Amino acid sequence: MRISEIFYSIQGEGELTGVPSVFVRTSGCNLRCVWCDTPYASWSPEGRNWEVDEVLERVLSFSPARHAVLTGGEPLLAQDLPELSRRLRDLGWHVTIETAGTIAPGVLEYDLASVSPKLSGSNPTPERAGQGWSTRHAEMRLQPEVLRQWLRAGRYQLKFVVGSRGEFGEVEALLAELAVDVPRHKVLLMPEGVESAGVRASSLELAEWCKQSGYRFCDRLHVHLYGHTRGT
């Protein structure tokens, strides 16, 4: 499996915010989000191929960590991901899968699926990504039936990056289309941004909408702690 980076940090997003975790970032993605903060794993994939045993050895070297986050790019593209996740869980680790929800979970074993469907603000222009990727991203970013499979499997959080007021309605529309009973606290709304000041600037409006809707506000702790820095 092609790996961009493996590092030990603090989980900065979602239900496990603050938990020391080892992040395994696979390289390669089937989307091209215009605001992507890890282009080295998506727009311009970097890294080399690792055997599962190599990845495990590196992950296990970070003591006393017991939480692993398998992320990307899009980790579901990695053929060896199911084996890696299964072996980590067999060793007693808690495994979070971070995915855009465009690829079905299949037989994948995990403890928490952090599913992040992409709203329209993620669409890249043809000038930025080329016509092929611009069209492909727009067609691929939301896969309702695949999302239903993740939600029906349970053990999930549904996390949206929200960049503008107009995207509030997109969240509501998608949840209505999915027609799955999603508890409000399982819907996490996260401000867009890679710098602490930018995240704070858009957080207040988003927090107010969370208060009105009952959805959960999701901060970006790693951005406040470390800024826009790789390996954090």
C-alpha atoms as a PDB file:
ATOM      1  CA  MET A   1       0.000   0.000   0.000  1.00  0.00           C
ATOM      2  CA  ARG A   2       1.278   3.439  -0.910  1.00  0.00           C
ATOM      3  CA  ILE A   3       1.890   5.509   2.215  1.00  0.00           C
ATOM      4  CA  SER A   4       2.324   9.252   2.322  1.00  0.00           C
ATOM      5  CA  GLU A   5       3.186   9.517   6.022  1.00  0.00           C
ATOM      6  CA  ILE A   6       2.866   7.835   9.412  1.00  0.00           C
ATOM      7  CA  PHE A   7       2.993  10.045  12.481  1.00  0.00           C
ATOM      8  CA  TYR A   8       1.923  10.330  16.126  1.00  0.00           C
ATOM      9  CA  SER A   9      -0.227  13.300  17.106  1.00  0.00           C
ATOM     10  CA  ILE A  10      -3.418  14.405  18.837  1.00  0.00           C
ATOM     11  CA  GLN A  11      -6.714  13.665  17.108  1.00  0.00           C
ATOM     12  CA  GLY A  12      -7.954  17.113  16.163  1.00  0.00           C
ATOM     13  CA  GLU A  13     -11.450  16.399  14.846  1.00  0.00           C
ATOM     14  CA  GLY A  14     -14.605  14.575  15.796  1.00  0.00           C
ATOM     15  CA  GLU A  15     -15.758  12.478  18.715  1.00  0.00           C
ATOM     16  CA  LEU A  16     -12.229  11.465  19.717  1.00  0.00           C
ATOM     17  CA  THR A  17     -10.768  14.990  19.707  1.00  0.00           C
ATOM     18  CA  GLY A  18      -7.772  15.152  22.011  1.00  0.00           C
ATOM     19  CA  VAL A  19      -6.934  11.436  21.963  1.00  0.00           C
ATOM     20  CA  PRO A  20      -3.261  10.650  21.186  1.00  0.00           C
ATOM     21  CA  SER A  21      -3.369   8.692  17.927  1.00  0.00           C
ATOM     22  CA  VAL A  22      -1.094   7.245  15.270  1.00  0.00           C
ATOM     23  CA  PHE A  23      -2.089   8.441  11.803  1.00  0.00           C
ATOM     24  CA  VAL A  24      -1.439   6.267   8.758  1.00  0.00           C
ATOM     25  CA  ARG A  25      -1.998   8.407   5.678  1.00  0.00           C
ATOM     26  CA  THR A  26      -2.368   6.473   2.449  1.00  0.00           C
ATOM     27  CA  SER A  27      -1.546   8.210  -0.818  1.00  0.00           C
ATOM     28  CA  GLY A  28      -4.069   8.504  -3.639  1.00  0.00           C
ATOM     29  CA  CYS A  29      -7.593   9.889  -3.869  1.00  0.00           C
ATOM     30  CA  ASN A  30     -10.592   9.647  -6.186  1.00  0.00           C
ATOM     31  CA  LEU A  31     -11.607  13.278  -5.480  1.00  0.00           C
ATOM     32  CA  ARG A  32      -9.950  16.674  -5.894  1.00  0.00           C
ATOM     33  CA  CYS A  33     -11.392  18.950  -3.191  1.00  0.00           C
ATOM     34  CA  VAL A  34     -10.447  22.537  -3.924  1.00  0.00           C
ATOM     35  CA  TRP A  35      -9.705  23.198  -0.231  1.00  0.00           C
ATOM     36  CA  CYS A  36      -7.819  19.927   0.385  1.00  0.00           C
ATOM     37  CA  ASP A  37      -5.252  20.378   3.161  1.00  0.00           C
ATOM     38  CA  THR A  38      -3.255  17.244   2.228  1.00  0.00           C
ATOM     39  CA  PRO A  39      -2.572  17.670  -1.515  1.00  0.00           C
ATOM     40  CA  TYR A  40       0.513  15.470  -1.181  1.00  0.00           C
ATOM     41  CA  ALA A  41      -1.878  12.533  -0.672  1.00  0.00           C
ATOM     42  CA  SER A  42      -4.453  13.505  -3.295  1.00  0.00           C
ATOM     43  CA  TRP A  43      -3.709  16.147  -5.931  1.00  0.00           C
ATOM     44  CA  SER A  44      -0.026  15.147  -6.159  1.00  0.00           C
ATOM     45  CA  PRO A  45       0.267  11.778  -4.378  1.00  0.00           C
ATOM     46  CA  GLU A  46       3.629  11.127  -2.757  1.00  0.00           C
ATOM     47  CA  GLY A  47       5.152   8.207  -0.901  1.00  0.00           C
ATOM     48  CA  ARG A  48       6.332   4.660  -1.457  1.00  0.00           C
ATOM     49  CA  ASN A  49       4.742   1.248  -1.210  1.00  0.00           C
ATOM     50  CA  TRP A  50       4.862  -0.359   2.239  1.00  0.00           C
ATOM     51  CA  GLU A  51       4.159  -3.935   3.246  1.00  0.00           C
ATOM     52  CA  VAL A  52       1.540  -4.335   5.978  1.00  0.00           C
ATOM     53  CA  ASP A  53       4.197  -5.691   8.351  1.00  0.00           C
ATOM     54  CA  GLU A  54       6.268  -2.522   7.829  1.00  0.00           C
ATOM     55  CA  VAL A  55       3.294  -0.308   8.600  1.00  0.00           C
ATOM     56  CA  LEU A  56       2.472  -2.287  11.738  1.00  0.00           C
ATOM     57  CA  GLU A  57       6.053  -2.099  12.982  1.00  0.00           C
ATOM     58  CA  ARG A  58       6.045   1.672  12.571  1.00  0.00           C
ATOM     59  CA  VAL A  59       2.638   2.129  14.198  1.00  0.00           C
ATOM     60  CA  LEU A  60       3.536  -0.050  17.154  1.00  0.00           C
ATOM     61  CA  SER A  61       6.714   1.965  17.745  1.00  0.00           C
ATOM     62  CA  PHE A  62       4.641   4.858  19.073  1.00  0.00           C
ATOM     63  CA  SER A  63       4.085   3.940  22.712  1.00  0.00           C
ATOM     64  CA  PRO A  64       1.759   4.326  24.614  1.00  0.00           C
ATOM     65  CA  ALA A  65      -0.650   4.964  21.729  1.00  0.00           C
ATOM     66  CA  ARG A  66      -3.591   2.579  21.330  1.00  0.00           C
ATOM     67  CA  HIS A  67      -5.624   4.518  18.756  1.00  0.00           C
ATOM     68  CA  ALA A  68      -4.900   4.383  15.023  1.00  0.00           C
ATOM     69  CA  VAL A  69      -6.427   6.597  12.340  1.00  0.00           C
ATOM     70  CA  LEU A  70      -6.336   5.251   8.784  1.00  0.00           C
ATOM     71  CA  THR A  71      -6.725   8.252   6.526  1.00  0.00           C
ATOM     72  CA  GLY A  72      -5.715   9.682   3.162  1.00  0.00           C
ATOM     73  CA  GLY A  73      -6.271  10.717   0.448  1.00  0.00           C
ATOM     74  CA  GLU A  74      -8.947   8.056   0.293  1.00  0.00           C
ATOM     75  CA  PRO A  75      -7.764   5.035   2.323  1.00  0.00           C
ATOM     76  CA  LEU A  76     -10.432   2.732   0.853  1.00  0.00           C
ATOM     77  CA  LEU A  77      -8.423   2.762  -2.384  1.00  0.00           C
ATOM     78  CA  ALA A  78      -5.594   0.878  -0.643  1.00  0.00           C
ATOM     79  CA  GLN A  79      -5.901  -2.833  -1.358  1.00  0.00           C
ATOM     80  CA  ASP A  80      -4.232  -3.865   1.900  1.00  0.00           C
ATOM     81  CA  LEU A  81      -6.328  -1.611   4.132  1.00  0.00           C
ATOM     82  CA  PRO A  82      -8.683  -4.394   5.338  1.00  0.00           C
ATOM     83  CA  GLU A  83      -5.720  -6.519   6.446  1.00  0.00           C
ATOM     84  CA  LEU A  84      -4.033  -3.603   8.211  1.00  0.00           C
ATOM     85  CA  SER A  85      -7.200  -2.621  10.045  1.00  0.00           C
ATOM     86  CA  ARG A  86      -7.990  -6.195  11.057  1.00  0.00           C
ATOM     87  CA  ARG A  87      -4.496  -6.825  12.394  1.00  0.00           C
ATOM     88  CA  LEU A  88      -4.473  -3.599  14.388  1.00  0.00           C
ATOM     89  CA  ARG A  89      -7.786  -4.510  15.999  1.00  0.00           C
ATOM     90  CA  ASP A  90      -6.518  -8.031  16.722  1.00  0.00           C
ATOM     91  CA  LEU A  91      -3.715  -6.333  18.672  1.00  0.00           C
ATOM     92  CA  GLY A  92      -6.256  -4.421  20.727  1.00  0.00           C
ATOM     93  CA  TRP A  93      -6.036  -1.090  18.933  1.00  0.00           C
ATOM     94  CA  HIS A  94      -8.982   1.216  18.315  1.00  0.00           C
ATOM     95  CA  VAL A  95      -9.171   1.911  14.559  1.00  0.00           C
ATOM     96  CA  THR A  96     -10.798   4.962  12.987  1.00  0.00           C
ATOM     97  CA  ILE A  97     -11.316   5.018   9.222  1.00  0.00           C
ATOM     98  CA  GLU A  98     -11.463   8.497   7.668  1.00  0.00           C
ATOM     99  CA  THR A  99     -13.260   8.358   4.314  1.00  0.00           C
ATOM    100  CA  ALA A 100     -15.271  10.541   1.958  1.00  0.00           C
ATOM    101  CA  GLY A 101     -17.887   7.800   1.768  1.00  0.00           C
ATOM    102  CA  THR A 102     -17.643   7.188  -1.978  1.00  0.00           C
ATOM    103  CA  ILE A 103     -16.469   3.564  -1.621  1.00  0.00           C
ATOM    104  CA  ALA A 104     -18.484   0.939   0.267  1.00  0.00           C
ATOM    105  CA  PRO A 105     -17.017  -0.530   3.475  1.00  0.00           C
ATOM    106  CA  GLY A 106     -17.446  -4.141   2.390  1.00  0.00           C
ATOM    107  CA  VAL A 107     -15.919  -6.478   4.990  1.00  0.00           C
ATOM    108  CA  LEU A 108     -13.667  -3.799   6.483  1.00  0.00           C
ATOM    109  CA  GLU A 109     -13.231  -4.094  10.260  1.00  0.00           C
ATOM    110  CA  TYR A 110     -13.034  -0.871  12.301  1.00  0.00           C
ATOM    111  CA  ASP A 111     -14.247   0.814  15.474  1.00  0.00           C
ATOM    112  CA  LEU A 112     -15.276   4.212  14.116  1.00  0.00           C
ATOM    113  CA  ALA A 113     -15.982   5.366  10.561  1.00  0.00           C
ATOM    114  CA  SER A 114     -15.435   9.103  10.186  1.00  0.00           C
ATOM    115  CA  VAL A 115     -17.442   9.632   6.997  1.00  0.00           C
ATOM    116  CA  SER A 116     -17.015  13.040   5.376  1.00  0.00           C
ATOM    117  CA  PRO A 117     -19.274  13.614   2.339  1.00  0.00           C
ATOM    118  CA  LYS A 118     -18.141  16.529   0.208  1.00  0.00           C
ATOM    119  CA  LEU A 119     -20.455  19.500  -0.342  1.00  0.00           C
ATOM    120  CA  SER A 120     -20.554  21.686  -3.468  1.00  0.00           C
ATOM    121  CA  GLY A 121     -17.925  24.057  -2.101  1.00  0.00           C
ATOM    122  CA  SER A 122     -15.369  21.277  -2.590  1.00  0.00           C
ATOM    123  CA  ASN A 123     -15.776  21.338  -6.392  1.00  0.00           C
ATOM    124  CA  PRO A 124     -12.600  22.400  -8.236  1.00  0.00           C
ATOM    125  CA  THR A 125     -12.867  24.564 -11.327  1.00  0.00           C
ATOM    126  CA  PRO A 126     -11.712  23.245 -14.717  1.00  0.00           C
ATOM    127  CA  GLU A 127      -8.985  25.896 -14.616  1.00  0.00           C
ATOM    128  CA  ARG A 128      -7.670  24.491 -11.349  1.00  0.00           C
ATOM    129  CA  ALA A 129      -8.066  20.756 -11.863  1.00  0.00           C
ATOM    130  CA  GLY A 130      -8.645  20.307 -15.579  1.00  0.00           C
ATOM    131  CA  GLN A 131     -12.041  19.548 -17.112  1.00  0.00           C
ATOM    132  CA  GLY A 132     -11.727  15.807 -16.494  1.00  0.00           C
ATOM    133  CA  TRP A 133     -11.121  16.047 -12.751  1.00  0.00           C
ATOM    134  CA  SER A 134     -13.600  18.895 -12.326  1.00  0.00           C
ATOM    135  CA  THR A 135     -16.366  16.797 -13.870  1.00  0.00           C
ATOM    136  CA  ARG A 136     -15.287  13.585 -12.157  1.00  0.00           C
ATOM    137  CA  HIS A 137     -15.229  15.195  -8.711  1.00  0.00           C
ATOM    138  CA  ALA A 138     -18.709  16.712  -9.169  1.00  0.00           C
ATOM    139  CA  GLU A 139     -20.121  13.331 -10.224  1.00  0.00           C
ATOM    140  CA  MET A 140     -18.308  11.276  -7.577  1.00  0.00           C
ATOM    141  CA  ARG A 141     -18.373  13.407  -4.409  1.00  0.00           C
ATOM    142  CA  LEU A 142     -21.801  12.226  -3.211  1.00  0.00           C
ATOM    143  CA  GLN A 143     -22.773   8.555  -3.428  1.00  0.00           C
ATOM    144  CA  PRO A 144     -26.024   8.223  -1.448  1.00  0.00           C
ATOM    145  CA  GLU A 145     -26.294   4.430  -1.598  1.00  0.00           C
ATOM    146  CA  VAL A 146     -22.687   4.013  -0.478  1.00  0.00           C
ATOM    147  CA  LEU A 147     -23.295   6.462   2.366  1.00  0.00           C
ATOM    148  CA  ARG A 148     -26.327   4.430   3.444  1.00  0.00           C
ATOM    149  CA  GLN A 149     -24.124   1.342   3.700  1.00  0.00           C
ATOM    150  CA  TRP A 150     -21.698   3.155   6.016  1.00  0.00           C
ATOM    151  CA  LEU A 151     -24.512   4.491   8.173  1.00  0.00           C
ATOM    152  CA  ARG A 152     -26.342   1.178   8.419  1.00  0.00           C
ATOM    153  CA  ALA A 153     -23.133  -0.520   9.504  1.00  0.00           C
ATOM    154  CA  GLY A 154     -23.163   1.727  12.582  1.00  0.00           C
ATOM    155  CA  ARG A 155     -20.117   3.014  14.487  1.00  0.00           C
ATOM    156  CA  TYR A 156     -19.919   6.241  12.505  1.00  0.00           C
ATOM    157  CA  GLN A 157     -19.710   9.989  12.690  1.00  0.00           C
ATOM    158  CA  LEU A 158     -20.933  12.036   9.729  1.00  0.00           C
ATOM    159  CA  LYS A 159     -18.574  14.989   9.333  1.00  0.00           C
ATOM    160  CA  PHE A 160     -19.085  17.902   6.935  1.00  0.00           C
ATOM    161  CA  VAL A 161     -16.606  20.630   6.043  1.00  0.00           C
ATOM    162  CA  VAL A 162     -18.797  23.742   5.734  1.00  0.00           C
ATOM    163  CA  GLY A 163     -17.398  26.780   3.960  1.00  0.00           C
ATOM    164  CA  SER A 164     -20.467  28.962   3.447  1.00  0.00           C
ATOM    165  CA  ARG A 165     -24.043  29.528   4.640  1.00  0.00           C
ATOM    166  CA  GLY A 166     -25.374  28.053   1.414  1.00  0.00           C
ATOM    167  CA  GLU A 167     -23.943  24.672   2.329  1.00  0.00           C
ATOM    168  CA  PHE A 168     -26.119  24.459   5.443  1.00  0.00           C
ATOM    169  CA  GLY A 169     -29.063  23.593   3.222  1.00  0.00           C
ATOM    170  CA  GLU A 170     -27.010  20.977   1.374  1.00  0.00           C
ATOM    171  CA  VAL A 171     -26.441  19.106   4.632  1.00  0.00           C
ATOM    172  CA  GLU A 172     -30.169  19.040   5.356  1.00  0.00           C
ATOM    173  CA  ALA A 173     -31.005  17.971   1.806  1.00  0.00           C
ATOM    174  CA  LEU A 174     -28.518  15.110   1.842  1.00  0.00           C
ATOM    175  CA  LEU A 175     -29.745  13.780   5.192  1.00  0.00           C
ATOM    176  CA  ALA A 176     -33.317  13.861   3.890  1.00  0.00           C
ATOM    177  CA  GLU A 177     -32.275  11.992   0.743  1.00  0.00           C
ATOM    178  CA  LEU A 178     -30.433   9.319   2.714  1.00  0.00           C
ATOM    179  CA  ALA A 179     -33.619   8.573   4.697  1.00  0.00           C
ATOM    180  CA  VAL A 180     -31.615   7.000   7.514  1.00  0.00           C
ATOM    181  CA  ASP A 181     -32.334   7.876  11.141  1.00  0.00           C
ATOM    182  CA  VAL A 182     -29.129   9.748  11.990  1.00  0.00           C
ATOM    183  CA  PRO A 183     -28.986  11.117  15.544  1.00  0.00           C
ATOM    184  CA  ARG A 184     -28.337  14.855  15.488  1.00  0.00           C
ATOM    185  CA  HIS A 185     -25.208  14.553  17.633  1.00  0.00           C
ATOM    186  CA  LYS A 186     -23.723  12.199  15.030  1.00  0.00           C
ATOM    187  CA  VAL A 187     -23.756  14.998  12.419  1.00  0.00           C
ATOM    188  CA  LEU A 188     -20.604  17.070  12.858  1.00  0.00           C
ATOM    189  CA  LEU A 189     -20.135  20.448  11.149  1.00  0.00           C
ATOM    190  CA  MET A 190     -16.562  21.652  10.798  1.00  0.00           C
ATOM    191  CA  PRO A 191     -15.346  25.073   9.622  1.00  0.00           C
ATOM    192  CA  GLU A 192     -13.100  25.174   6.580  1.00  0.00           C
ATOM    193  CA  GLY A 193      -9.567  26.483   7.067  1.00  0.00           C
ATOM    194  CA  VAL A 194      -5.939  25.548   7.593  1.00  0.00           C
ATOM    195  CA  GLU A 195      -4.938  28.474   9.811  1.00  0.00           C
ATOM    196  CA  SER A 196      -6.237  29.082  13.339  1.00  0.00           C
ATOM    197  CA  ALA A 197      -7.418  32.633  12.623  1.00  0.00           C
ATOM    198  CA  GLY A 198      -9.422  31.524   9.588  1.00  0.00           C
ATOM    199  CA  VAL A 199     -11.032  28.660  11.469  1.00  0.00           C
ATOM    200  CA  ARG A 200     -12.048  30.977  14.314  1.00  0.00           C
ATOM    201  CA  ALA A 201     -13.474  33.552  11.890  1.00  0.00           C
ATOM    202  CA  SER A 202     -16.000  31.102  10.474  1.00  0.00           C
ATOM    203  CA  SER A 203     -16.677  29.166  13.683  1.00  0.00           C
ATOM    204  CA  LEU A 204     -19.146  31.514  15.362  1.00  0.00           C
ATOM    205  CA  GLU A 205     -21.748  31.423  12.577  1.00  0.00           C
ATOM    206  CA  LEU A 206     -21.379  27.660  12.284  1.00  0.00           C
ATOM    207  CA  ALA A 207     -21.740  27.229  16.051  1.00  0.00           C
ATOM    208  CA  GLU A 208     -24.940  29.264  16.002  1.00  0.00           C
ATOM    209  CA  TRP A 209     -26.393  27.073  13.264  1.00  0.00           C
ATOM    210  CA  CYS A 210     -25.456  23.992  15.293  1.00  0.00           C
ATOM    211  CA  LYS A 211     -27.400  25.445  18.212  1.00  0.00           C
ATOM    212  CA  GLN A 212     -30.433  25.953  15.984  1.00  0.00           C
ATOM    213  CA  SER A 213     -30.265  22.577  14.248  1.00  0.00           C
ATOM    214  CA  GLY A 214     -28.997  20.332  17.032  1.00  0.00           C
ATOM    215  CA  TYR A 215     -25.979  19.212  15.018  1.00  0.00           C
ATOM    216  CA  ARG A 216     -22.570  18.978  16.641  1.00  0.00           C
ATOM    217  CA  PHE A 217     -19.899  21.649  16.187  1.00  0.00           C
ATOM    218  CA  CYS A 218     -16.539  20.166  15.245  1.00  0.00           C
ATOM    219  CA  ASP A 219     -13.446  22.264  15.822  1.00  0.00           C
ATOM    220  CA  ARG A 220      -9.990  21.641  14.308  1.00  0.00           C
ATOM    221  CA  LEU A 221      -7.776  21.291  17.381  1.00  0.00           C
ATOM    222  CA  HIS A 222      -4.653  20.282  15.449  1.00  0.00           C
ATOM    223  CA  VAL A 223      -4.839  23.519  13.444  1.00  0.00           C
ATOM    224  CA  HIS A 224      -4.945  25.590  16.648  1.00  0.00           C
ATOM    225  CA  LEU A 225      -2.092  23.588  18.193  1.00  0.00           C
ATOM    226  CA  TYR A 226       0.270  23.177  15.256  1.00  0.00           C
ATOM    227  CA  GLY A 227      -0.934  25.316  12.353  1.00  0.00           C
ATOM    228  CA  HIS A 228      -0.770  24.034   8.788  1.00  0.00           C
ATOM    229  CA  THR A 229       2.060  21.593   9.378  1.00  0.00           C
ATOM    230  CA  ARG A 230       2.634  18.081   8.027  1.00  0.00           C
ATOM    231  CA  GLY A 231       2.936  15.270  10.541  1.00  0.00           C
ATOM    232  CA  THR A 232       0.498  16.796  13.008  1.00  0.00           C
END
